[in-house]
Amino acid sequence: MANDNGTLFPVVGREFERVHGVREAEVGPARCRLL
């Protein structure tokens, strides 16, 4: 797959989060998004 230059992937990610939800958690010092 080619680079989409930030056009579709951010949209797909936001839609997925809205539909399926994402949990936030800390793993060590890093803030993570669990899906």
All heavy atoms as atom14 arrays in JSON, in Angstrom:
{
  "sequence": "MANDNGTLFPVVGREFERVHGVREAEVGPARCRLL",
  "atom14_mask": [
    [1, 1, 1, 1, 1, 1, 1, 1, 0, 0, 0, 0, 0, 0],
    [1, 1, 1, 1, 1, 0, 0, 0, 0, 0, 0, 0, 0, 0],
    [1, 1, 1, 1, 1, 1, 1, 1, 0, 0, 0, 0, 0, 0],
    [1, 1, 1, 1, 1, 1, 1, 1, 0, 0, 0, 0, 0, 0],
    [1, 1, 1, 1, 1, 1, 1, 1, 0, 0, 0, 0, 0, 0],
    [1, 1, 1, 1, 0, 0, 0, 0, 0, 0, 0, 0, 0, 0],
    [1, 1, 1, 1, 1, 1, 1, 0, 0, 0, 0, 0, 0, 0],
    [1, 1, 1, 1, 1, 1, 1, 1, 0, 0, 0, 0, 0, 0],
    [1, 1, 1, 1, 1, 1, 1, 1, 1, 1, 1, 0, 0, 0],
    [1, 1, 1, 1, 1, 1, 1, 0, 0, 0, 0, 0, 0, 0],
    [1, 1, 1, 1, 1, 1, 1, 0, 0, 0, 0, 0, 0, 0],
    [1, 1, 1, 1, 1, 1, 1, 0, 0, 0, 0, 0, 0, 0],
    [1, 1, 1, 1, 0, 0, 0, 0, 0, 0, 0, 0, 0, 0],
    [1, 1, 1, 1, 1, 1, 1, 1, 1, 1, 1, 0, 0, 0],
    [1, 1, 1, 1, 1, 1, 1, 1, 1, 0, 0, 0, 0, 0],
    [1, 1, 1, 1, 1, 1, 1, 1, 1, 1, 1, 0, 0, 0],
    [1, 1, 1, 1, 1, 1, 1, 1, 1, 0, 0, 0, 0, 0],
    [1, 1, 1, 1, 1, 1, 1, 1, 1, 1, 1, 0, 0, 0],
    [1, 1, 1, 1, 1, 1, 1, 0, 0, 0, 0, 0, 0, 0],
    [1, 1, 1, 1, 1, 1, 1, 1, 1, 1, 0, 0, 0, 0],
    [1, 1, 1, 1, 0, 0, 0, 0, 0, 0, 0, 0, 0, 0],
    [1, 1, 1, 1, 1, 1, 1, 0, 0, 0, 0, 0, 0, 0],
    [1, 1, 1, 1, 1, 1, 1, 1, 1, 1, 1, 0, 0, 0],
    [1, 1, 1, 1, 1, 1, 1, 1, 1, 0, 0, 0, 0, 0],
    [1, 1, 1, 1, 1, 0, 0, 0, 0, 0, 0, 0, 0, 0],
    [1, 1, 1, 1, 1, 1, 1, 1, 1, 0, 0, 0, 0, 0],
    [1, 1, 1, 1, 1, 1, 1, 0, 0, 0, 0, 0, 0, 0],
    [1, 1, 1, 1, 0, 0, 0, 0, 0, 0, 0, 0, 0, 0],
    [1, 1, 1, 1, 1, 1, 1, 0, 0, 0, 0, 0, 0, 0],
    [1, 1, 1, 1, 1, 0, 0, 0, 0, 0, 0, 0, 0, 0],
    [1, 1, 1, 1, 1, 1, 1, 1, 1, 1, 1, 0, 0, 0],
    [1, 1, 1, 1, 1, 1, 0, 0, 0, 0, 0, 0, 0, 0],
    [1, 1, 1, 1, 1, 1, 1, 1, 1, 1, 1, 0, 0, 0],
    [1, 1, 1, 1, 1, 1, 1, 1, 0, 0, 0, 0, 0, 0],
    [1, 1, 1, 1, 1, 1, 1, 1, 0, 0, 0, 0, 0, 0]
  ],
  "atom14_positions": [
    [[0.84, -1.17, 0.0], [0.0, 0.0, 0.0], [0.89, 1.24, 0.0], [1.89, 1.3, 0.68], [-0.92, -0.03, 1.22], [-1.83, 1.17, 1.29], [-2.94, 1.11, 2.69], [-4.32, 0.32, 1.93], [0.0, 0.0, 0.0], [0.0, 0.0, 0.0], [0.0, 0.0, 0.0], [0.0, 0.0, 0.0], [0.0, 0.0, 0.0], [0.0, 0.0, 0.0]],
    [[0.51, 2.21, -0.71], [1.28, 3.45, -0.81], [0.96, 4.39, 0.35], [-0.05, 4.22, 1.03], [0.96, 4.14, -2.13], [0.0, 0.0, 0.0], [0.0, 0.0, 0.0], [0.0, 0.0, 0.0], [0.0, 0.0, 0.0], [0.0, 0.0, 0.0], [0.0, 0.0, 0.0], [0.0, 0.0, 0.0], [0.0, 0.0, 0.0], [0.0, 0.0, 0.0]],
    [[1.79, 5.37, 0.55], [1.56, 6.4, 1.55], [0.35, 7.23, 1.13], [0.27, 7.7, 0.01], [2.8, 7.28, 1.66], [2.68, 8.34, 2.73], [1.61, 8.63, 3.23], [3.8, 8.92, 3.07], [0.0, 0.0, 0.0], [0.0, 0.0, 0.0], [0.0, 0.0, 0.0], [0.0, 0.0, 0.0], [0.0, 0.0, 0.0], [0.0, 0.0, 0.0]],
    [[-0.59, 7.4, 2.03], [-1.79, 8.18, 1.68], [-1.65, 9.65, 2.07], [-2.62, 10.4, 2.02], [-3.04, 7.55, 2.28], [-3.27, 7.9, 3.73], [-2.31, 8.29, 4.42], [-4.41, 7.77, 4.19], [0.0, 0.0, 0.0], [0.0, 0.0, 0.0], [0.0, 0.0, 0.0], [0.0, 0.0, 0.0], [0.0, 0.0, 0.0], [0.0, 0.0, 0.0]],
    [[-0.44, 10.05, 2.47], [-0.16, 11.45, 2.85], [-1.11, 11.98, 3.92], [-1.51, 13.13, 3.89], [-0.18, 12.36, 1.62], [0.94, 12.02, 0.66], [2.07, 11.81, 1.08], [0.62, 11.9, -0.61], [0.0, 0.0, 0.0], [0.0, 0.0, 0.0], [0.0, 0.0, 0.0], [0.0, 0.0, 0.0], [0.0, 0.0, 0.0], [0.0, 0.0, 0.0]],
    [[-1.5, 11.11, 4.84], [-2.33, 11.54, 5.95], [-3.76, 11.87, 5.59], [-4.41, 12.62, 6.31], [0.0, 0.0, 0.0], [0.0, 0.0, 0.0], [0.0, 0.0, 0.0], [0.0, 0.0, 0.0], [0.0, 0.0, 0.0], [0.0, 0.0, 0.0], [0.0, 0.0, 0.0], [0.0, 0.0, 0.0], [0.0, 0.0, 0.0], [0.0, 0.0, 0.0]],
    [[-4.29, 11.31, 4.51], [-5.66, 11.65, 4.12], [-6.69, 10.64, 4.61], [-7.66, 11.03, 5.24], [-5.78, 11.82, 2.59], [-5.31, 10.64, 1.96], [-4.98, 13.0, 2.1], [0.0, 0.0, 0.0], [0.0, 0.0, 0.0], [0.0, 0.0, 0.0], [0.0, 0.0, 0.0], [0.0, 0.0, 0.0], [0.0, 0.0, 0.0], [0.0, 0.0, 0.0]],
    [[-6.49, 9.35, 4.34], [-7.5, 8.36, 4.72], [-7.26, 7.74, 6.1], [-8.21, 7.5, 6.83], [-7.56, 7.23, 3.68], [-8.1, 7.62, 2.32], [-8.05, 6.43, 1.37], [-9.52, 8.13, 2.43], [0.0, 0.0, 0.0], [0.0, 0.0, 0.0], [0.0, 0.0, 0.0], [0.0, 0.0, 0.0], [0.0, 0.0, 0.0], [0.0, 0.0, 0.0]],
    [[-6.01, 7.45, 6.43], [-5.75, 6.75, 7.69], [-6.25, 7.51, 8.91], [-6.85, 6.9, 9.81], [-4.28, 6.38, 7.82], [-3.84, 5.33, 6.84], [-2.64, 5.45, 6.19], [-4.63, 4.22, 6.56], [-2.22, 4.5, 5.27], [-4.23, 3.26, 5.65], [-3.02, 3.4, 5.0], [0.0, 0.0, 0.0], [0.0, 0.0, 0.0], [0.0, 0.0, 0.0]],
    [[-6.06, 8.83, 9.0], [-6.62, 9.53, 10.16], [-8.15, 9.45, 10.22], [-8.73, 9.31, 11.3], [-6.16, 10.98, 9.96], [-4.93, 10.86, 9.13], [-5.2, 9.71, 8.2], [0.0, 0.0, 0.0], [0.0, 0.0, 0.0], [0.0, 0.0, 0.0], [0.0, 0.0, 0.0], [0.0, 0.0, 0.0], [0.0, 0.0, 0.0], [0.0, 0.0, 0.0]],
    [[-8.81, 9.51, 9.07], [-10.27, 9.42, 9.03], [-10.72, 8.04, 9.5], [-11.61, 7.9, 10.34], [-10.8, 9.69, 7.6], [-12.29, 9.4, 7.5], [-10.5, 11.12, 7.2], [0.0, 0.0, 0.0], [0.0, 0.0, 0.0], [0.0, 0.0, 0.0], [0.0, 0.0, 0.0], [0.0, 0.0, 0.0], [0.0, 0.0, 0.0], [0.0, 0.0, 0.0]],
    [[-10.08, 7.0, 8.96], [-10.43, 5.63, 9.33], [-10.19, 5.42, 10.83], [-11.02, 4.82, 11.52], [-9.64, 4.62, 8.48], [-9.81, 3.2, 9.0], [-10.07, 4.71, 7.02], [0.0, 0.0, 0.0], [0.0, 0.0, 0.0], [0.0, 0.0, 0.0], [0.0, 0.0, 0.0], [0.0, 0.0, 0.0], [0.0, 0.0, 0.0], [0.0, 0.0, 0.0]],
    [[-9.09, 5.94, 11.35], [-8.8, 5.79, 12.77], [-9.84, 6.45, 13.65], [-10.31, 5.86, 14.63], [0.0, 0.0, 0.0], [0.0, 0.0, 0.0], [0.0, 0.0, 0.0], [0.0, 0.0, 0.0], [0.0, 0.0, 0.0], [0.0, 0.0, 0.0], [0.0, 0.0, 0.0], [0.0, 0.0, 0.0], [0.0, 0.0, 0.0], [0.0, 0.0, 0.0]],
    [[-10.22, 7.68, 13.31], [-11.25, 8.38, 14.11], [-12.58, 7.66, 14.05], [-13.28, 7.52, 15.06], [-11.4, 9.82, 13.63], [-10.31, 10.74, 14.1], [-10.61, 12.2, 13.81], [-10.82, 12.47, 12.39], [-9.86, 12.78, 11.54], [-8.6, 12.84, 11.95], [-10.12, 13.03, 10.27], [0.0, 0.0, 0.0], [0.0, 0.0, 0.0], [0.0, 0.0, 0.0]],
    [[-12.97, 7.18, 12.86], [-14.23, 6.46, 12.72], [-14.21, 5.17, 13.53], [-15.18, 4.83, 14.2], [-14.52, 6.15, 11.25], [-14.91, 7.36, 10.45], [-15.21, 7.03, 9.0], [-15.15, 5.85, 8.61], [-15.52, 7.98, 8.25], [0.0, 0.0, 0.0], [0.0, 0.0, 0.0], [0.0, 0.0, 0.0], [0.0, 0.0, 0.0], [0.0, 0.0, 0.0]],
    [[-13.09, 4.45, 13.46], [-12.99, 3.21, 14.23], [-13.13, 3.49, 15.72], [-13.86, 2.79, 16.42], [-11.65, 2.51, 13.96], [-11.51, 1.24, 14.74], [-12.08, 0.07, 14.28], [-10.85, 1.21, 15.96], [-11.99, -1.11, 15.01], [-10.74, 0.05, 16.69], [-11.32, -1.12, 16.21], [0.0, 0.0, 0.0], [0.0, 0.0, 0.0], [0.0, 0.0, 0.0]],
    [[-12.45, 4.51, 16.21], [-12.53, 4.84, 17.63], [-13.95, 5.2, 18.04], [-14.41, 4.83, 19.11], [-11.58, 5.99, 17.96], [-10.14, 5.59, 17.93], [-9.2, 6.71, 18.35], [-9.67, 7.72, 18.92], [-8.0, 6.58, 18.08], [0.0, 0.0, 0.0], [0.0, 0.0, 0.0], [0.0, 0.0, 0.0], [0.0, 0.0, 0.0], [0.0, 0.0, 0.0]],
    [[-14.65, 5.92, 17.18], [-16.03, 6.32, 17.49], [-16.94, 5.1, 17.55], [-17.79, 4.99, 18.43], [-16.52, 7.31, 16.44], [-17.83, 7.97, 16.8], [-18.24, 9.1, 15.86], [-18.26, 8.69, 14.46], [-17.42, 9.13, 13.52], [-16.47, 9.99, 13.82], [-17.52, 8.72, 12.27], [0.0, 0.0, 0.0], [0.0, 0.0, 0.0], [0.0, 0.0, 0.0]],
    [[-16.74, 4.14, 16.65], [-17.61, 2.96, 16.58], [-17.25, 1.92, 17.64], [-18.12, 1.37, 18.31], [-17.55, 2.34, 15.16], [-18.27, 1.0, 15.12], [-18.13, 3.29, 14.14], [0.0, 0.0, 0.0], [0.0, 0.0, 0.0], [0.0, 0.0, 0.0], [0.0, 0.0, 0.0], [0.0, 0.0, 0.0], [0.0, 0.0, 0.0], [0.0, 0.0, 0.0]],
    [[-15.95, 1.65, 17.79], [-15.52, 0.54, 18.64], [-14.95, 0.96, 19.98], [-14.78, 0.13, 20.87], [-14.47, -0.29, 17.9], [-15.03, -1.02, 16.73], [-15.7, -2.21, 16.85], [-15.07, -0.71, 15.41], [-16.1, -2.61, 15.66], [-15.74, -1.7, 14.76], [0.0, 0.0, 0.0], [0.0, 0.0, 0.0], [0.0, 0.0, 0.0], [0.0, 0.0, 0.0]],
    [[-14.6, 2.21, 20.11], [-14.04, 2.68, 21.37], [-12.58, 2.31, 21.52], [-12.09, 1.37, 20.91], [0.0, 0.0, 0.0], [0.0, 0.0, 0.0], [0.0, 0.0, 0.0], [0.0, 0.0, 0.0], [0.0, 0.0, 0.0], [0.0, 0.0, 0.0], [0.0, 0.0, 0.0], [0.0, 0.0, 0.0], [0.0, 0.0, 0.0], [0.0, 0.0, 0.0]],
    [[-11.89, 3.08, 22.32], [-10.48, 2.87, 22.6], [-10.27, 3.19, 24.07], [-10.82, 4.17, 24.57], [-9.6, 3.79, 21.71], [-8.15, 3.73, 22.13], [-9.74, 3.42, 20.26], [0.0, 0.0, 0.0], [0.0, 0.0, 0.0], [0.0, 0.0, 0.0], [0.0, 0.0, 0.0], [0.0, 0.0, 0.0], [0.0, 0.0, 0.0], [0.0, 0.0, 0.0]],
    [[-9.5, 2.34, 24.74], [-9.17, 2.62, 26.13], [-7.78, 3.22, 26.19], [-6.9, 2.84, 25.44], [-9.16, 1.31, 26.93], [-10.52, 0.77, 27.18], [-10.54, -0.44, 28.13], [-9.28, -0.81, 28.72], [-8.74, -2.03, 28.64], [-9.34, -2.99, 27.99], [-7.59, -2.3, 29.23], [0.0, 0.0, 0.0], [0.0, 0.0, 0.0], [0.0, 0.0, 0.0]],
    [[-7.59, 4.14, 27.1], [-6.27, 4.7, 27.32], [-5.71, 4.09, 28.6], [-6.44, 3.84, 29.55], [-6.33, 6.22, 27.42], [-6.69, 6.87, 26.11], [-6.49, 8.38, 26.12], [-6.05, 8.91, 27.16], [-6.77, 8.99, 25.1], [0.0, 0.0, 0.0], [0.0, 0.0, 0.0], [0.0, 0.0, 0.0], [0.0, 0.0, 0.0], [0.0, 0.0, 0.0]],
    [[-4.4, 3.83, 28.57], [-3.73, 3.24, 29.73], [-2.27, 3.66, 29.7], [-1.78, 4.13, 28.69], [-3.84, 1.72, 29.69], [0.0, 0.0, 0.0], [0.0, 0.0, 0.0], [0.0, 0.0, 0.0], [0.0, 0.0, 0.0], [0.0, 0.0, 0.0], [0.0, 0.0, 0.0], [0.0, 0.0, 0.0], [0.0, 0.0, 0.0], [0.0, 0.0, 0.0]],
    [[-1.6, 3.48, 30.82], [-0.17, 3.75, 30.87], [0.57, 2.42, 30.87], [0.21, 1.49, 31.59], [0.18, 4.54, 32.12], [-0.29, 5.97, 32.03], [0.17, 6.82, 33.19], [1.13, 6.43, 33.9], [-0.43, 7.88, 33.4], [0.0, 0.0, 0.0], [0.0, 0.0, 0.0], [0.0, 0.0, 0.0], [0.0, 0.0, 0.0], [0.0, 0.0, 0.0]],
    [[1.58, 2.34, 30.02], [2.48, 1.19, 29.98], [3.86, 1.76, 30.26], [4.43, 2.45, 29.43], [2.44, 0.48, 28.61], [3.42, -0.68, 28.58], [1.03, 0.0, 28.29], [0.0, 0.0, 0.0], [0.0, 0.0, 0.0], [0.0, 0.0, 0.0], [0.0, 0.0, 0.0], [0.0, 0.0, 0.0], [0.0, 0.0, 0.0], [0.0, 0.0, 0.0]],
    [[4.33, 1.5, 31.48], [5.55, 2.17, 31.91], [5.27, 3.66, 31.92], [4.23, 4.11, 32.38], [0.0, 0.0, 0.0], [0.0, 0.0, 0.0], [0.0, 0.0, 0.0], [0.0, 0.0, 0.0], [0.0, 0.0, 0.0], [0.0, 0.0, 0.0], [0.0, 0.0, 0.0], [0.0, 0.0, 0.0], [0.0, 0.0, 0.0], [0.0, 0.0, 0.0]],
    [[6.16, 4.47, 31.35], [5.93, 5.91, 31.31], [5.12, 6.38, 30.1], [4.84, 7.56, 29.96], [7.35, 6.48, 31.25], [8.12, 5.43, 30.52], [7.51, 4.11, 30.96], [0.0, 0.0, 0.0], [0.0, 0.0, 0.0], [0.0, 0.0, 0.0], [0.0, 0.0, 0.0], [0.0, 0.0, 0.0], [0.0, 0.0, 0.0], [0.0, 0.0, 0.0]],
    [[4.74, 5.45, 29.23], [4.06, 5.82, 27.98], [2.55, 5.78, 28.12], [1.98, 4.84, 28.68], [4.49, 4.89, 26.86], [0.0, 0.0, 0.0], [0.0, 0.0, 0.0], [0.0, 0.0, 0.0], [0.0, 0.0, 0.0], [0.0, 0.0, 0.0], [0.0, 0.0, 0.0], [0.0, 0.0, 0.0], [0.0, 0.0, 0.0], [0.0, 0.0, 0.0]],
    [[1.9, 6.8, 27.6], [0.43, 6.84, 27.52], [0.05, 6.08, 26.24], [0.55, 6.39, 25.16], [-0.02, 8.29, 27.43], [-1.45, 8.48, 27.68], [-1.71, 8.55, 29.19], [-3.14, 8.7, 29.37], [-3.86, 7.89, 30.12], [-3.29, 6.96, 30.83], [-5.15, 8.05, 30.2], [0.0, 0.0, 0.0], [0.0, 0.0, 0.0], [0.0, 0.0, 0.0]],
    [[-0.8, 5.06, 26.37], [-1.12, 4.18, 25.24], [-2.61, 4.15, 24.97], [-3.42, 4.42, 25.85], [-0.65, 2.76, 25.53], [1.12, 2.64, 25.81], [0.0, 0.0, 0.0], [0.0, 0.0, 0.0], [0.0, 0.0, 0.0], [0.0, 0.0, 0.0], [0.0, 0.0, 0.0], [0.0, 0.0, 0.0], [0.0, 0.0, 0.0], [0.0, 0.0, 0.0]],
    [[-2.95, 3.81, 23.74], [-4.34, 3.64, 23.33], [-4.52, 2.17, 23.03], [-3.84, 1.62, 22.16], [-4.64, 4.51, 22.13], [-4.42, 5.99, 22.44], [-4.48, 6.87, 21.24], [-5.81, 6.99, 20.68], [-6.8, 7.71, 21.2], [-6.6, 8.37, 22.32], [-7.97, 7.78, 20.63], [0.0, 0.0, 0.0], [0.0, 0.0, 0.0], [0.0, 0.0, 0.0]],
    [[-5.43, 1.52, 23.74], [-5.67, 0.09, 23.59], [-6.94, -0.12, 22.77], [-7.97, 0.49, 23.06], [-5.81, -0.57, 24.96], [-4.68, -0.29, 25.96], [-5.0, -0.9, 27.31], [-3.36, -0.79, 25.42], [0.0, 0.0, 0.0], [0.0, 0.0, 0.0], [0.0, 0.0, 0.0], [0.0, 0.0, 0.0], [0.0, 0.0, 0.0], [0.0, 0.0, 0.0]],
    [[-6.85, -0.98, 21.77], [-8.0, -1.21, 20.91], [-8.03, -2.66, 20.47], [-7.01, -3.34, 20.47], [-7.95, -0.28, 19.69], [-6.63, -0.26, 18.94], [-6.71, -1.06, 17.68], [-6.28, 1.17, 18.65], [0.0, 0.0, 0.0], [0.0, 0.0, 0.0], [0.0, 0.0, 0.0], [0.0, 0.0, 0.0], [0.0, 0.0, 0.0], [0.0, 0.0, 0.0]]
  ]
}
